[in-house]
Every structure is written in structure tokens, then in C-alpha cells.
Protein backbone atom coordinates (compact mmCIF):
# COMPACT_ATOMS: atom_id res chain seq x y z
CA UNK A 1 13.14 -13.59 71.38
CA UNK A 2 11.65 -17.25 70.12
CA UNK A 3 8.12 -16.52 71.13
CA UNK A 4 8.29 -13.18 69.16
CA UNK A 5 9.67 -14.56 66.14
CA UNK A 6 7.45 -17.57 66.11
CA UNK A 7 4.27 -14.64 66.40
CA UNK A 8 5.90 -12.68 63.59
CA UNK A 9 5.99 -15.99 61.32
CA UNK A 10 2.66 -17.19 62.24
CA UNK A 11 1.24 -13.64 61.29
CA UNK A 12 3.01 -13.41 58.02
CA UNK A 13 1.81 -17.14 57.30
CA UNK A 14 -1.67 -16.06 58.03
CA UNK A 15 -1.43 -13.07 55.90
CA UNK A 16 -0.15 -14.86 53.02
CA UNK A 17 -2.90 -17.76 53.47
CA UNK A 18 -5.78 -14.75 53.42
CA UNK A 19 -3.80 -13.28 50.37
CA UNK A 20 -3.85 -16.30 48.59
CA UNK A 21 -7.54 -16.96 48.99
CA UNK A 22 -8.15 -13.51 48.64
CA UNK A 23 -6.37 -13.47 45.12
CA UNK A 24 -7.88 -16.89 44.14
CA UNK A 25 -11.46 -15.81 44.76
CA UNK A 26 -11.12 -12.25 42.78
CA UNK A 27 -9.37 -14.09 39.84
CA UNK A 28 -12.40 -16.72 39.89
CA UNK A 29 -14.88 -13.98 39.58
CA UNK A 30 -12.94 -12.27 36.99
CA UNK A 31 -13.09 -15.58 35.07
CA UNK A 32 -17.09 -15.88 35.37
CA UNK A 33 -17.46 -12.68 34.17
CA UNK A 34 -18.54 -11.92 30.18
CA UNK A 35 -15.65 -10.36 28.25
CA UNK A 36 -17.29 -7.04 26.83
CA UNK A 37 -17.23 -6.82 22.90
CA UNK A 38 -15.08 -4.03 21.57
CA UNK A 39 -16.64 -1.25 20.00
CA UNK A 40 -16.49 -1.21 16.40
CA UNK A 41 -15.25 1.63 14.63
CA UNK A 42 -17.48 2.79 11.86
CA UNK A 43 -15.96 3.97 8.80
CA UNK A 44 -17.54 6.31 6.22
CA UNK A 45 -16.82 7.95 2.87
CA UNK A 46 -19.54 10.56 1.47
CA UNK A 47 -21.81 9.35 3.76
CA UNK A 48 -21.82 5.87 2.91
CA UNK A 49 -20.56 3.25 5.76
CA UNK A 50 -17.84 1.15 4.51
CA UNK A 51 -17.55 -1.40 6.97
CA UNK A 52 -18.49 -4.47 4.45
CA UNK A 53 -16.34 -2.91 1.80
CA UNK A 54 -13.81 -4.82 0.42
CA UNK A 55 -10.45 -2.98 -0.52
CA UNK A 56 -8.62 -4.09 -3.57
CA UNK A 57 -4.84 -4.07 -3.67
CA UNK A 58 -5.07 -1.18 -6.57
CA UNK A 59 -7.09 0.88 -3.81
CA UNK A 60 -4.43 -0.01 -1.38
CA UNK A 61 -1.40 1.04 -3.73
CA UNK A 62 -3.28 4.19 -4.80
CA UNK A 63 -5.66 5.58 -2.08
CA UNK A 64 -7.95 8.34 -3.23
CA UNK A 65 -5.74 10.99 -1.50
CA UNK A 66 -2.41 10.02 -3.77
CA UNK A 67 -0.05 12.75 -4.21
CA UNK A 68 0.42 13.97 -7.69
CA UNK A 69 4.45 12.73 -7.16
CA UNK A 70 3.33 8.95 -6.84
CA UNK A 71 0.84 9.09 -9.82
CA UNK A 72 3.69 10.38 -12.02
CA UNK A 73 5.71 7.67 -10.57
CA UNK A 74 3.42 4.89 -10.87
CA UNK A 75 2.82 5.59 -14.91
CA UNK A 76 6.68 6.17 -15.38
CA UNK A 77 7.15 2.67 -13.74
CA UNK A 78 4.65 0.96 -15.68
CA UNK A 79 5.97 2.74 -19.06
CA UNK A 80 9.31 0.81 -18.56
CA UNK A 81 7.48 -2.61 -19.60
CA UNK A 82 6.47 -1.01 -23.14
CA UNK A 83 9.92 1.03 -23.66
CA UNK A 84 13.70 0.92 -24.67
CA UNK A 85 15.85 3.09 -22.72
CA UNK A 86 19.42 2.64 -21.46
CA UNK A 87 18.19 3.49 -17.79
CA UNK A 88 15.19 2.18 -16.40
CA UNK A 89 14.36 2.97 -12.73
CA UNK A 90 11.07 1.69 -11.24
CA UNK A 91 9.31 -1.51 -12.42
CA UNK A 92 5.72 -1.61 -12.09
CA UNK A 93 3.83 -4.28 -14.44
CA UNK A 94 1.21 -2.61 -16.09
CA UNK A 95 -2.25 -4.11 -15.02
CA UNK A 96 -5.87 -2.96 -16.49
CA UNK A 97 -6.86 -2.58 -12.52
CA UNK A 98 -3.73 -0.17 -12.09
CA UNK A 99 -4.52 1.92 -15.00
CA UNK A 100 -8.03 2.36 -14.46
CA UNK A 101 -7.71 3.01 -10.64
CA UNK A 102 -5.07 5.88 -11.36
CA UNK A 103 -7.31 7.08 -14.39
CA UNK A 104 -9.96 7.34 -11.77
CA UNK A 105 -8.06 9.28 -8.90
CA UNK A 106 -6.45 11.57 -11.66
CA UNK A 107 -9.93 12.39 -12.97
CA UNK A 108 -11.27 13.62 -9.62
CA UNK A 109 -7.68 15.33 -8.85
CA UNK A 110 -6.68 18.50 -8.76
CA UNK A 111 -2.91 17.60 -10.12
CA UNK A 112 -1.10 20.17 -12.19
CA UNK A 113 -0.81 17.80 -14.99
CA UNK A 114 -3.89 15.90 -14.69
CA UNK A 115 -4.52 16.47 -18.41
CA UNK A 116 -1.48 14.60 -19.33
CA UNK A 117 -2.22 11.74 -16.92
CA UNK A 118 -5.52 11.38 -18.30
CA UNK A 119 -4.86 11.42 -21.75
CA UNK A 120 -1.81 8.88 -20.80
CA UNK A 121 -4.35 6.68 -18.87
CA UNK A 122 -7.04 6.63 -21.28
CA UNK A 123 -5.10 5.28 -24.09
CA UNK A 124 -3.63 2.82 -22.07
CA UNK A 125 -7.01 1.70 -20.56
CA UNK A 126 -7.96 1.00 -23.95
CA UNK A 127 -4.75 -1.13 -24.72
CA UNK A 128 -3.31 1.40 -26.69
CA UNK A 129 0.45 1.50 -26.18
CA UNK A 130 1.74 2.96 -29.43
CA UNK A 131 2.65 6.29 -27.97
CA UNK A 132 4.04 4.86 -24.98
CA UNK A 133 7.61 6.13 -26.04
CA UNK A 134 6.31 9.68 -25.78
CA UNK A 135 4.21 9.17 -22.81
CA UNK A 136 7.51 7.75 -20.99
CA UNK A 137 9.58 10.69 -21.95
CA UNK A 138 6.57 13.52 -21.22
CA UNK A 139 6.74 11.85 -17.56
CA UNK A 140 10.46 11.50 -17.52
CA UNK A 141 10.83 15.35 -18.54
CA UNK A 142 8.48 16.13 -15.59
CA UNK A 143 10.88 14.14 -13.46
CA UNK A 144 13.94 16.22 -14.47
CA UNK A 145 15.16 14.01 -17.34
CA UNK A 146 17.66 15.97 -19.78
CA UNK A 147 18.43 15.76 -23.19
CA UNK A 148 22.18 15.88 -22.64
CA UNK A 149 22.36 13.02 -20.31
CA UNK A 150 19.98 10.96 -22.41
CA UNK A 151 20.37 7.64 -20.13
CA UNK A 152 16.88 7.40 -19.34
CA UNK A 153 15.06 8.91 -22.26
CA UNK A 154 12.76 5.80 -24.01
CA UNK A 155 14.09 5.61 -27.41
CA UNK A 156 11.56 3.08 -29.01
CA UNK A 157 8.66 0.45 -28.16
CA UNK A 158 9.82 -2.94 -27.20
CA UNK A 159 8.90 -5.79 -29.37
CA UNK A 160 6.43 -8.35 -28.16
CA UNK A 161 9.74 -10.43 -27.48
CA UNK A 162 11.61 -8.05 -25.39
CA UNK A 163 8.73 -7.21 -23.60
CA UNK A 164 7.93 -10.38 -22.47
CA UNK A 165 11.42 -10.94 -21.34
CA UNK A 166 11.46 -7.76 -19.70
CA UNK A 167 8.40 -9.11 -17.26
CA UNK A 168 10.23 -12.19 -16.71
CA UNK A 169 13.62 -10.37 -15.62
CA UNK A 170 11.73 -7.23 -14.03
CA UNK A 171 8.26 -8.15 -12.81
CA UNK A 172 8.46 -12.10 -12.06
CA UNK A 173 8.44 -11.14 -8.43
CA UNK A 174 6.29 -8.32 -8.18
CA UNK A 175 4.13 -8.94 -4.96
CA UNK A 176 1.16 -6.62 -5.74
CA UNK A 177 0.44 -8.48 -8.96
CA UNK A 178 0.00 -12.03 -7.14
């Protein structure tokens, strides 16, 4: 029995040694081989390769295929910077880049309220916020705002000092504007 046990142990040790040598050889072969480069994906839009195109944060926030509800929501949230209302849901700082991006998307869209969005955004693009109360309320009504509840309806334009306070209180930490 002892002889049989020694033979089995010897065979196991020999197999382990051969396995280790074989594994070492295969491992070193792999280390010597060059790593193949991954294939690059080529992104095209309207036949133009976008490989080197720099994407702006506005394009990320508002892509070309933005649904109408999101345009509506963005205009509404931005209008809060300019108007007084008892309740304001949604806070987005108005920037020229955001307004221009939303305007470009709206012009290329088939939105149900396309003309309303374009008229608001064209004024805003020129820095004209004199109709921001009406702009806010038009969007607010599209979103289901009711006269009887009146809580979210804009009642007047903010003064420059009130607007600055609104920005400090609500938009100071807007991660998209940094």
C-alpha cells in the first residue's frame, strides 16, 4: 500500500509541475503578444463624421430629439428667474446658450406648440424679457395651470434685486451652469 500511495503522490506532483510549467509558458506567450487596438465607433450625423466634434453641455441637456414636454418644461423653469409667483416648481438659470439651443431645436421640430416656443425664445434670445409674465403663464396653462387655484400663475416681473436674490437662493448650485 505504501508503494501505491507513493506512486500516486509522485504522479500528482509531476502533473502539478508540468501544469505549472505549461501555465507559465502560456502566460509569458500572452505577455509578449501586442494587445490589439479596440475598434473605434464612427458616429455620423447627416453624413458628417462626428468623431472630433466637441459636444456642448447644452447639446447634452437638450439633444436634437428632445421631446416637446422637455422644451415646455425648460422654458417654464427658466421663466421663474424673471417672474413673481406664489409657487415655483423647477429652477433653471437662463443662459444665452440654453435659449439659443432650445430655439434651434424648436425651429427644426414638429411640436404642437412650436410657434409659441419660437416666439418666446426669439424674444429671450435678444434679451427681451418684458413679456416673461405672459410667457410663463402661457406655458403654465399648457401644463394644466388653473386660474381658480392661482398658486403658480405669474403675477409680475421681478425687480433686478429680486432676480439676483432668486439666482442666489435657487440657482447658486446649478451644476449645469458651472
